[in-house]
Amino acid sequence: MTKNQSPPSLPNIKNLSDDAGYFERITWAREVMGLGESATLSEINDKSRDLLKKWHPDTSNVDSKTSHHLIKQILQARDILDGYCAQYKFSFSQKEVEKYLSPREWFIKRFGDN
């Protein structure tokens, strides 16, 4: 860290309670990762990678103990979200798939190809 560079602000992350329920664990993991109530798998993976890079002991400007603690929380949060996503049932119904049409495909479906 140079003289003009201040350390990054540390996230205010509470520890996960051992008796936390499933929803509380998911909520804690979202907060650790800085995610809202919905995210794609790509967003979860990108956020995880960015946070691990930011707080890695070799690249962050925080003490080693803090860095290791943050990395441990990020990895635990990613494991919780990965476990949830692995059990999530995706719907491939037409109604669900049509929610994600491209703007062009939506327009053609609605107004035709004129």
C-alpha atoms as a PDB file:
ATOM      1  CA  MET A   1       0.000   0.000   0.000  1.00  0.00           C
ATOM      2  CA  THR A   2       1.412   3.372  -0.961  1.00  0.00           C
ATOM      3  CA  LYS A   3       1.254   6.417   1.282  1.00  0.00           C
ATOM      4  CA  ASN A   4      -1.657   7.912  -0.655  1.00  0.00           C
ATOM      5  CA  GLN A   5      -3.608   4.662  -0.799  1.00  0.00           C
ATOM      6  CA  SER A   6      -5.986   3.825   2.028  1.00  0.00           C
ATOM      7  CA  PRO A   7      -6.881   0.257   2.943  1.00  0.00           C
ATOM      8  CA  PRO A   8     -10.104  -1.067   1.438  1.00  0.00           C
ATOM      9  CA  SER A   9     -13.132  -0.808   3.689  1.00  0.00           C
ATOM     10  CA  LEU A  10     -13.792  -4.127   5.370  1.00  0.00           C
ATOM     11  CA  PRO A  11     -17.197  -5.696   4.941  1.00  0.00           C
ATOM     12  CA  ASN A  12     -19.278  -5.837   8.097  1.00  0.00           C
ATOM     13  CA  ILE A  13     -20.036  -9.561   8.128  1.00  0.00           C
ATOM     14  CA  LYS A  14     -21.447 -11.240  11.205  1.00  0.00           C
ATOM     15  CA  ASN A  15     -20.444 -14.820  11.888  1.00  0.00           C
ATOM     16  CA  LEU A  16     -22.831 -17.563  10.836  1.00  0.00           C
ATOM     17  CA  SER A  17     -24.568 -19.114  13.804  1.00  0.00           C
ATOM     18  CA  ASP A  18     -24.111 -22.880  14.182  1.00  0.00           C
ATOM     19  CA  ASP A  19     -27.870 -23.315  14.697  1.00  0.00           C
ATOM     20  CA  ALA A  20     -28.921 -21.131  11.750  1.00  0.00           C
ATOM     21  CA  GLY A  21     -31.731 -22.542   9.636  1.00  0.00           C
ATOM     22  CA  TYR A  22     -31.486 -23.052   5.891  1.00  0.00           C
ATOM     23  CA  PHE A  23     -33.000 -19.665   4.984  1.00  0.00           C
ATOM     24  CA  GLU A  24     -30.727 -17.889   7.477  1.00  0.00           C
ATOM     25  CA  ARG A  25     -27.711 -19.667   5.972  1.00  0.00           C
ATOM     26  CA  ILE A  26     -28.728 -18.617   2.450  1.00  0.00           C
ATOM     27  CA  THR A  27     -29.332 -15.035   3.631  1.00  0.00           C
ATOM     28  CA  TRP A  28     -25.951 -14.948   5.369  1.00  0.00           C
ATOM     29  CA  ALA A  29     -24.242 -16.275   2.231  1.00  0.00           C
ATOM     30  CA  ARG A  30     -25.972 -13.660   0.056  1.00  0.00           C
ATOM     31  CA  GLU A  31     -24.838 -10.902   2.417  1.00  0.00           C
ATOM     32  CA  VAL A  32     -21.250 -12.160   2.446  1.00  0.00           C
ATOM     33  CA  MET A  33     -21.255 -12.205  -1.350  1.00  0.00           C
ATOM     34  CA  GLY A  34     -23.052  -8.872  -1.652  1.00  0.00           C
ATOM     35  CA  LEU A  35     -25.913 -10.396  -3.657  1.00  0.00           C
ATOM     36  CA  GLY A  36     -29.571  -9.408  -3.764  1.00  0.00           C
ATOM     37  CA  GLU A  37     -32.491 -11.777  -3.481  1.00  0.00           C
ATOM     38  CA  SER A  38     -31.880 -13.189  -6.945  1.00  0.00           C
ATOM     39  CA  ALA A  39     -28.777 -13.901  -8.975  1.00  0.00           C
ATOM     40  CA  THR A  40     -27.714 -16.041 -11.887  1.00  0.00           C
ATOM     41  CA  LEU A  41     -25.099 -18.761 -11.516  1.00  0.00           C
ATOM     42  CA  SER A  42     -22.749 -16.544 -13.528  1.00  0.00           C
ATOM     43  CA  GLU A  43     -23.303 -13.635 -11.140  1.00  0.00           C
ATOM     44  CA  ILE A  44     -22.604 -15.854  -8.124  1.00  0.00           C
ATOM     45  CA  ASN A  45     -19.407 -17.210  -9.691  1.00  0.00           C
ATOM     46  CA  ASP A  46     -18.230 -13.769 -10.854  1.00  0.00           C
ATOM     47  CA  LYS A  47     -18.874 -12.216  -7.451  1.00  0.00           C
ATOM     48  CA  SER A  48     -17.070 -15.073  -5.700  1.00  0.00           C
ATOM     49  CA  ARG A  49     -14.040 -14.734  -7.960  1.00  0.00           C
ATOM     50  CA  ASP A  50     -13.947 -10.935  -7.530  1.00  0.00           C
ATOM     51  CA  LEU A  51     -14.171 -11.146  -3.730  1.00  0.00           C
ATOM     52  CA  LEU A  52     -11.523 -13.866  -3.501  1.00  0.00           C
ATOM     53  CA  LYS A  53      -9.208 -11.734  -5.614  1.00  0.00           C
ATOM     54  CA  LYS A  54      -9.948  -8.599  -3.586  1.00  0.00           C
ATOM     55  CA  TRP A  55      -9.308 -10.185  -0.184  1.00  0.00           C
ATOM     56  CA  HIS A  56      -6.548 -12.651  -1.096  1.00  0.00           C
ATOM     57  CA  PRO A  57      -3.667 -12.357   1.423  1.00  0.00           C
ATOM     58  CA  ASP A  58      -1.148 -11.692  -1.368  1.00  0.00           C
ATOM     59  CA  THR A  59      -3.096  -8.830  -2.933  1.00  0.00           C
ATOM     60  CA  SER A  60      -5.196  -7.162  -0.227  1.00  0.00           C
ATOM     61  CA  ASN A  61      -3.971  -4.362   1.962  1.00  0.00           C
ATOM     62  CA  VAL A  62      -5.309  -5.864   5.185  1.00  0.00           C
ATOM     63  CA  ASP A  63      -3.502  -7.947   7.760  1.00  0.00           C
ATOM     64  CA  SER A  64      -3.120 -11.655   7.102  1.00  0.00           C
ATOM     65  CA  LYS A  65      -5.468 -12.747   9.894  1.00  0.00           C
ATOM     66  CA  THR A  66      -8.312 -10.565   8.596  1.00  0.00           C
ATOM     67  CA  SER A  67      -7.683 -11.647   5.024  1.00  0.00           C
ATOM     68  CA  HIS A  68      -7.797 -15.336   5.948  1.00  0.00           C
ATOM     69  CA  HIS A  69     -11.012 -14.805   7.921  1.00  0.00           C
ATOM     70  CA  LEU A  70     -12.690 -13.054   4.972  1.00  0.00           C
ATOM     71  CA  ILE A  71     -11.518 -15.701   2.493  1.00  0.00           C
ATOM     72  CA  LYS A  72     -12.900 -18.425   4.767  1.00  0.00           C
ATOM     73  CA  GLN A  73     -16.280 -16.671   4.929  1.00  0.00           C
ATOM     74  CA  ILE A  74     -16.389 -16.153   1.145  1.00  0.00           C
ATOM     75  CA  LEU A  75     -15.625 -19.829   0.509  1.00  0.00           C
ATOM     76  CA  GLN A  76     -18.233 -20.930   3.054  1.00  0.00           C
ATOM     77  CA  ALA A  77     -20.814 -18.608   1.486  1.00  0.00           C
ATOM     78  CA  ARG A  78     -20.019 -19.903  -1.988  1.00  0.00           C
ATOM     79  CA  ASP A  79     -20.384 -23.508  -0.772  1.00  0.00           C
ATOM     80  CA  ILE A  80     -23.799 -22.718   0.747  1.00  0.00           C
ATOM     81  CA  LEU A  81     -25.041 -21.040  -2.442  1.00  0.00           C
ATOM     82  CA  ASP A  82     -23.560 -23.762  -4.663  1.00  0.00           C
ATOM     83  CA  GLY A  83     -25.328 -26.406  -2.569  1.00  0.00           C
ATOM     84  CA  TYR A  84     -28.628 -24.549  -2.844  1.00  0.00           C
ATOM     85  CA  CYS A  85     -28.266 -24.056  -6.600  1.00  0.00           C
ATOM     86  CA  ALA A  86     -27.319 -27.706  -7.130  1.00  0.00           C
ATOM     87  CA  GLN A  87     -30.644 -28.741  -5.554  1.00  0.00           C
ATOM     88  CA  TYR A  88     -32.740 -26.081  -7.310  1.00  0.00           C
ATOM     89  CA  LYS A  89     -35.205 -27.416  -9.875  1.00  0.00           C
ATOM     90  CA  PHE A  90     -35.147 -25.393 -13.071  1.00  0.00           C
ATOM     91  CA  SER A  91     -38.361 -25.133 -15.040  1.00  0.00           C
ATOM     92  CA  PHE A  92     -38.160 -25.695 -18.771  1.00  0.00           C
ATOM     93  CA  SER A  93     -41.839 -25.065 -19.372  1.00  0.00           C
ATOM     94  CA  GLN A  94     -42.767 -22.777 -22.249  1.00  0.00           C
ATOM     95  CA  LYS A  95     -44.265 -20.224 -19.860  1.00  0.00           C
ATOM     96  CA  GLU A  96     -41.055 -20.025 -17.829  1.00  0.00           C
ATOM     97  CA  VAL A  97     -38.693 -20.034 -20.807  1.00  0.00           C
ATOM     98  CA  GLU A  98     -40.642 -17.221 -22.474  1.00  0.00           C
ATOM     99  CA  LYS A  99     -39.857 -14.972 -19.510  1.00  0.00           C
ATOM    100  CA  TYR A 100     -36.273 -14.866 -20.807  1.00  0.00           C
ATOM    101  CA  LEU A 101     -36.779 -14.196 -24.514  1.00  0.00           C
ATOM    102  CA  SER A 102     -34.431 -11.746 -26.163  1.00  0.00           C
ATOM    103  CA  PRO A 103     -36.049  -8.366 -26.917  1.00  0.00           C
ATOM    104  CA  ARG A 104     -36.015  -9.196 -30.638  1.00  0.00           C
ATOM    105  CA  GLU A 105     -37.653 -12.602 -30.156  1.00  0.00           C
ATOM    106  CA  TRP A 106     -40.247 -11.100 -27.795  1.00  0.00           C
ATOM    107  CA  PHE A 107     -41.112  -8.418 -30.372  1.00  0.00           C
ATOM    108  CA  ILE A 108     -41.450 -10.933 -33.219  1.00  0.00           C
ATOM    109  CA  LYS A 109     -43.572 -13.245 -31.060  1.00  0.00           C
ATOM    110  CA  ARG A 110     -45.846 -10.361 -30.092  1.00  0.00           C
ATOM    111  CA  PHE A 111     -46.065  -8.333 -33.338  1.00  0.00           C
ATOM    112  CA  GLY A 112     -44.872 -10.655 -36.072  1.00  0.00           C
ATOM    113  CA  ASP A 113     -41.907 -10.378 -38.405  1.00  0.00           C
ATOM    114  CA  ASN A 114     -43.046  -7.277 -40.307  1.00  0.00           C
END
